[in-house]
Amino acid sequence: MKHDIWDLIPPRSQCHPVGCKWVFRVKRKPDSSIDRFKARLVAKGYNQHPGLDYKETSNPVVKLAIIKIIITIAVLNG
């Protein structure tokens, strides 16, 4: 927040935030050796209620430039 990368907005009183979780996968080559590791942040959509908060989801998207800036700041600060 110090670098003004995002804005933290408090939820409305009638809003029920949808949780999320990380899903990790190991992608393998045809010979069963490890090709790469993948991670996804997925929403727990089963917490939504039709008519209440069913169409009000947002997907957090991070630009590569922001990740590079954060890593650079972390390296500079040890």
N, C-alpha and C. Protein backbone atom coordinates (compact mmCIF):
# COMPACT_ATOMS: atom_id res chain seq x y z
N MET A 1 0.83 -1.19 0.00
CA MET A 1 0.00 0.00 0.00
C MET A 1 0.88 1.25 0.00
N LYS A 2 2.08 1.13 0.57
CA LYS A 2 3.00 2.26 0.60
C LYS A 2 3.37 2.71 -0.81
N HIS A 3 3.41 1.77 -1.75
CA HIS A 3 3.79 2.10 -3.12
C HIS A 3 2.59 2.38 -4.01
N ASP A 4 1.40 2.42 -3.44
CA ASP A 4 0.18 2.75 -4.16
C ASP A 4 -0.05 1.83 -5.37
N ILE A 5 0.16 0.53 -5.14
CA ILE A 5 -0.05 -0.45 -6.21
C ILE A 5 -1.50 -0.87 -6.27
N TRP A 6 -2.18 -0.93 -5.12
CA TRP A 6 -3.58 -1.32 -5.07
C TRP A 6 -4.32 -0.50 -4.03
N ASP A 7 -5.63 -0.57 -4.06
CA ASP A 7 -6.49 0.10 -3.09
C ASP A 7 -7.24 -0.98 -2.32
N LEU A 8 -7.24 -0.86 -0.99
CA LEU A 8 -7.99 -1.78 -0.16
C LEU A 8 -9.36 -1.16 0.09
N ILE A 9 -10.39 -1.85 -0.37
CA ILE A 9 -11.75 -1.33 -0.26
C ILE A 9 -12.52 -2.21 0.72
N PRO A 10 -13.10 -1.63 1.76
CA PRO A 10 -13.86 -2.45 2.71
C PRO A 10 -15.13 -2.99 2.05
N PRO A 11 -15.51 -4.24 2.40
CA PRO A 11 -16.72 -4.81 1.80
C PRO A 11 -17.97 -4.13 2.34
N ARG A 12 -19.03 -4.17 1.52
CA ARG A 12 -20.30 -3.64 1.96
C ARG A 12 -20.86 -4.52 3.07
N SER A 13 -21.78 -4.00 3.84
CA SER A 13 -22.31 -4.74 4.98
C SER A 13 -23.06 -6.00 4.55
N GLN A 14 -23.77 -5.97 3.40
CA GLN A 14 -24.51 -7.14 2.95
C GLN A 14 -23.67 -8.06 2.07
N CYS A 15 -22.41 -7.75 1.89
CA CYS A 15 -21.53 -8.54 1.03
C CYS A 15 -20.92 -9.70 1.81
N HIS A 16 -20.89 -10.87 1.18
CA HIS A 16 -20.25 -12.05 1.75
C HIS A 16 -19.05 -12.39 0.86
N PRO A 17 -17.83 -12.04 1.29
CA PRO A 17 -16.66 -12.30 0.44
C PRO A 17 -16.50 -13.79 0.14
N VAL A 18 -16.12 -14.07 -1.08
CA VAL A 18 -15.88 -15.44 -1.51
C VAL A 18 -14.41 -15.74 -1.23
N GLY A 19 -14.16 -16.84 -0.55
CA GLY A 19 -12.78 -17.22 -0.23
C GLY A 19 -12.06 -17.76 -1.44
N CYS A 20 -10.79 -18.03 -1.27
CA CYS A 20 -10.01 -18.59 -2.35
C CYS A 20 -8.98 -19.55 -1.77
N LYS A 21 -8.40 -20.36 -2.64
CA LYS A 21 -7.36 -21.27 -2.21
C LYS A 21 -6.39 -21.49 -3.37
N TRP A 22 -5.18 -21.89 -3.01
CA TRP A 22 -4.17 -22.19 -4.01
C TRP A 22 -4.27 -23.65 -4.42
N VAL A 23 -4.16 -23.92 -5.71
CA VAL A 23 -4.14 -25.28 -6.24
C VAL A 23 -2.79 -25.47 -6.93
N PHE A 24 -2.03 -26.45 -6.46
CA PHE A 24 -0.70 -26.71 -7.01
C PHE A 24 -0.72 -28.00 -7.84
N ARG A 25 -0.03 -27.97 -8.98
CA ARG A 25 0.04 -29.15 -9.86
C ARG A 25 1.47 -29.33 -10.33
N VAL A 26 1.81 -30.56 -10.58
CA VAL A 26 3.10 -30.90 -11.17
C VAL A 26 2.81 -31.36 -12.59
N LYS A 27 3.32 -30.63 -13.56
CA LYS A 27 3.15 -31.01 -14.96
C LYS A 27 4.32 -31.91 -15.35
N ARG A 28 4.00 -33.01 -15.99
CA ARG A 28 5.03 -34.00 -16.34
C ARG A 28 5.19 -34.12 -17.85
N LYS A 29 6.37 -34.51 -18.25
CA LYS A 29 6.67 -34.78 -19.65
C LYS A 29 6.16 -36.18 -19.99
N PRO A 30 6.11 -36.55 -21.28
CA PRO A 30 5.64 -37.89 -21.66
C PRO A 30 6.44 -39.03 -21.02
N ASP A 31 7.70 -38.77 -20.66
CA ASP A 31 8.51 -39.82 -20.03
C ASP A 31 8.39 -39.82 -18.50
N SER A 32 7.41 -39.13 -17.96
CA SER A 32 7.10 -39.04 -16.53
C SER A 32 8.07 -38.18 -15.72
N SER A 33 9.02 -37.52 -16.36
CA SER A 33 9.89 -36.61 -15.62
C SER A 33 9.14 -35.29 -15.42
N ILE A 34 9.55 -34.54 -14.42
CA ILE A 34 8.87 -33.29 -14.08
C ILE A 34 9.20 -32.22 -15.11
N ASP A 35 8.18 -31.62 -15.68
CA ASP A 35 8.35 -30.55 -16.66
C ASP A 35 8.36 -29.20 -15.96
N ARG A 36 7.33 -28.94 -15.14
CA ARG A 36 7.24 -27.66 -14.41
C ARG A 36 6.21 -27.79 -13.31
N PHE A 37 6.25 -26.83 -12.40
CA PHE A 37 5.28 -26.74 -11.33
C PHE A 37 4.34 -25.59 -11.64
N LYS A 38 3.04 -25.79 -11.42
CA LYS A 38 2.06 -24.74 -11.71
C LYS A 38 1.25 -24.47 -10.45
N ALA A 39 0.81 -23.24 -10.32
CA ALA A 39 -0.04 -22.87 -9.19
C ALA A 39 -1.14 -21.95 -9.71
N ARG A 40 -2.34 -22.14 -9.16
CA ARG A 40 -3.47 -21.29 -9.53
C ARG A 40 -4.19 -20.86 -8.26
N LEU A 41 -4.70 -19.66 -8.26
CA LEU A 41 -5.53 -19.18 -7.17
C LEU A 41 -6.98 -19.29 -7.65
N VAL A 42 -7.78 -20.13 -6.99
CA VAL A 42 -9.15 -20.35 -7.42
C VAL A 42 -10.14 -19.91 -6.35
N ALA A 43 -11.28 -19.44 -6.80
CA ALA A 43 -12.33 -18.99 -5.88
C ALA A 43 -13.13 -20.17 -5.38
N LYS A 44 -13.58 -20.08 -4.14
CA LYS A 44 -14.46 -21.09 -3.56
C LYS A 44 -15.89 -20.68 -3.87
N GLY A 45 -16.32 -20.98 -5.09
CA GLY A 45 -17.62 -20.53 -5.57
C GLY A 45 -18.80 -21.13 -4.86
N TYR A 46 -18.59 -22.20 -4.11
CA TYR A 46 -19.71 -22.83 -3.40
C TYR A 46 -20.22 -21.97 -2.24
N ASN A 47 -19.54 -20.87 -1.92
CA ASN A 47 -19.99 -19.98 -0.86
C ASN A 47 -20.97 -18.92 -1.37
N GLN A 48 -21.17 -18.85 -2.68
CA GLN A 48 -22.03 -17.83 -3.25
C GLN A 48 -23.50 -18.23 -3.13
N HIS A 49 -24.35 -17.21 -3.07
CA HIS A 49 -25.79 -17.42 -2.98
C HIS A 49 -26.47 -16.79 -4.19
N PRO A 50 -27.21 -17.57 -5.00
CA PRO A 50 -27.89 -16.99 -6.17
C PRO A 50 -28.82 -15.85 -5.77
N GLY A 51 -28.72 -14.75 -6.51
CA GLY A 51 -29.55 -13.58 -6.23
C GLY A 51 -28.95 -12.63 -5.23
N LEU A 52 -27.99 -13.08 -4.44
CA LEU A 52 -27.39 -12.23 -3.42
C LEU A 52 -26.02 -11.73 -3.87
N ASP A 53 -25.12 -12.63 -4.13
CA ASP A 53 -23.77 -12.22 -4.53
C ASP A 53 -23.23 -13.11 -5.66
N TYR A 54 -24.11 -13.64 -6.45
CA TYR A 54 -23.73 -14.62 -7.46
C TYR A 54 -22.96 -14.03 -8.63
N LYS A 55 -23.25 -12.79 -9.00
CA LYS A 55 -22.60 -12.17 -10.16
C LYS A 55 -21.58 -11.12 -9.76
N GLU A 56 -21.24 -11.04 -8.49
CA GLU A 56 -20.35 -9.98 -8.04
C GLU A 56 -18.99 -10.53 -7.61
N THR A 57 -18.34 -11.26 -8.49
CA THR A 57 -17.01 -11.75 -8.18
C THR A 57 -15.99 -10.98 -8.99
N SER A 58 -14.80 -10.88 -8.47
CA SER A 58 -13.72 -10.24 -9.20
C SER A 58 -12.50 -11.14 -9.12
N ASN A 59 -11.67 -11.06 -10.12
CA ASN A 59 -10.49 -11.89 -10.19
C ASN A 59 -9.27 -11.02 -9.95
N PRO A 60 -8.50 -11.29 -8.90
CA PRO A 60 -7.29 -10.49 -8.69
C PRO A 60 -6.25 -10.80 -9.77
N VAL A 61 -5.84 -9.79 -10.50
CA VAL A 61 -4.89 -9.97 -11.57
C VAL A 61 -3.66 -9.13 -11.25
N VAL A 62 -2.50 -9.74 -11.32
CA VAL A 62 -1.26 -9.04 -11.04
C VAL A 62 -0.45 -8.97 -12.32
N LYS A 63 0.04 -7.78 -12.63
CA LYS A 63 0.88 -7.62 -13.80
C LYS A 63 2.30 -8.06 -13.47
N LEU A 64 3.01 -8.57 -14.45
CA LEU A 64 4.38 -9.03 -14.26
C LEU A 64 5.27 -7.90 -13.76
N ALA A 65 5.03 -6.69 -14.21
CA ALA A 65 5.85 -5.56 -13.77
C ALA A 65 5.73 -5.33 -12.27
N ILE A 66 4.53 -5.52 -11.72
CA ILE A 66 4.33 -5.34 -10.28
C ILE A 66 5.10 -6.41 -9.51
N ILE A 67 5.08 -7.64 -9.98
CA ILE A 67 5.82 -8.71 -9.31
C ILE A 67 7.31 -8.40 -9.33
N LYS A 68 7.82 -7.92 -10.45
CA LYS A 68 9.24 -7.56 -10.54
C LYS A 68 9.59 -6.45 -9.57
N ILE A 69 8.71 -5.46 -9.43
CA ILE A 69 8.96 -4.36 -8.50
C ILE A 69 9.00 -4.86 -7.06
N ILE A 70 8.06 -5.72 -6.70
CA ILE A 70 8.00 -6.24 -5.33
C ILE A 70 9.24 -7.08 -5.03
N ILE A 71 9.66 -7.91 -5.97
CA ILE A 71 10.86 -8.73 -5.76
C ILE A 71 12.10 -7.84 -5.65
N THR A 72 12.18 -6.81 -6.47
CA THR A 72 13.31 -5.88 -6.40
C THR A 72 13.36 -5.18 -5.04
N ILE A 73 12.22 -4.73 -4.54
CA ILE A 73 12.17 -4.07 -3.23
C ILE A 73 12.59 -5.05 -2.14
N ALA A 74 12.12 -6.29 -2.24
CA ALA A 74 12.49 -7.31 -1.24
C ALA A 74 13.99 -7.57 -1.26
N VAL A 75 14.58 -7.67 -2.44
CA VAL A 75 16.03 -7.92 -2.54
C VAL A 75 16.81 -6.74 -1.99
N LEU A 76 16.38 -5.53 -2.32
CA LEU A 76 17.10 -4.35 -1.83
C LEU A 76 17.02 -4.19 -0.31
N ASN A 77 15.95 -4.68 0.29
CA ASN A 77 15.79 -4.57 1.73
C ASN A 77 16.28 -5.81 2.47
N GLY A 78 16.85 -6.74 1.74
CA GLY A 78 17.43 -7.95 2.35
C GLY A 78 16.38 -8.92 2.77
